[in-house]
Amino acid sequence: MITPASYRPLGASELRLSPLGLGTVKLGRNEGVRYPQAFELPDDASVLTLFAEAARLGINLLDTAPAYGLSETRIGQLLDRQVWDPLICTKVGEHFSAGQSTWNFSADAVRSSVTDSLKKLRRKQLDIVLVHCPDDDLEVLQNSPVIEVLRDFQSKGIIKAIGASTKTVEAGLFVVSEMDVVMVAFNQQDQSQLPVIHAAQQNNKGVMLKKIL
């Protein structure tokens, strides 16, 4: 059981997160995913049961993305039927439709993505928005308007914390210098992102870990 006393500050932001969050790709997408076995999307009753259990355990974070298919839409619809009110992290840049992912980091695409996420999640404000980076993550972060657009939304109070889900150490270090939070892969087999984690700690920036299992 996780208690609020064990929630952790997300860098210098006002947000405090439970040590574990709930990823939601399997709520909305079962095509083009890297899992060893095929699976069916859970029905609404199963998702509501999952949400109730997450609330009981003290988890206060949902992680989603436009690239997770129906995930954002289902979260918005089903949270309306629960008293649980978790923080939500979503993303911009990658979208999934017709069985494949596409990336677009233009200013118009990023603005449209944030607006769509607000509508699907049925929220007036987004807690965390990350850049959903492709393999050329540093190129995207340095040479597209994505960070500038997210900062604009943040300055207007529409987003509380901005960051990026990165792949390379170089991109992760850039995010630490420019944004509020970085999401990196970290597990027993892969600890290559330790320099990013250490830099974030030194600069009071938030860290979210992916692929921990």
Foldseek 3Di string as FASTA:
>chain_A
DWDQVQFDDFFPFPDTFTPDAAEFLLQADQFPDPDPDGDDHDDLVVVLVVVVVCVVVPGQEYEEEQQSHCRLLSQLVNVVVDPRDHAYEYEFFWHDDPRDIDGDQALVRLVVRLVVSCVSNVHQAHEEYAYEADQPRQCSVVPHCNLVSVVVCVVVRRYRFYFYEDEDLVNLQVRLVRGAEYEYEDEPVDPPNVVSVVSNVVSRGGYHYPPHD
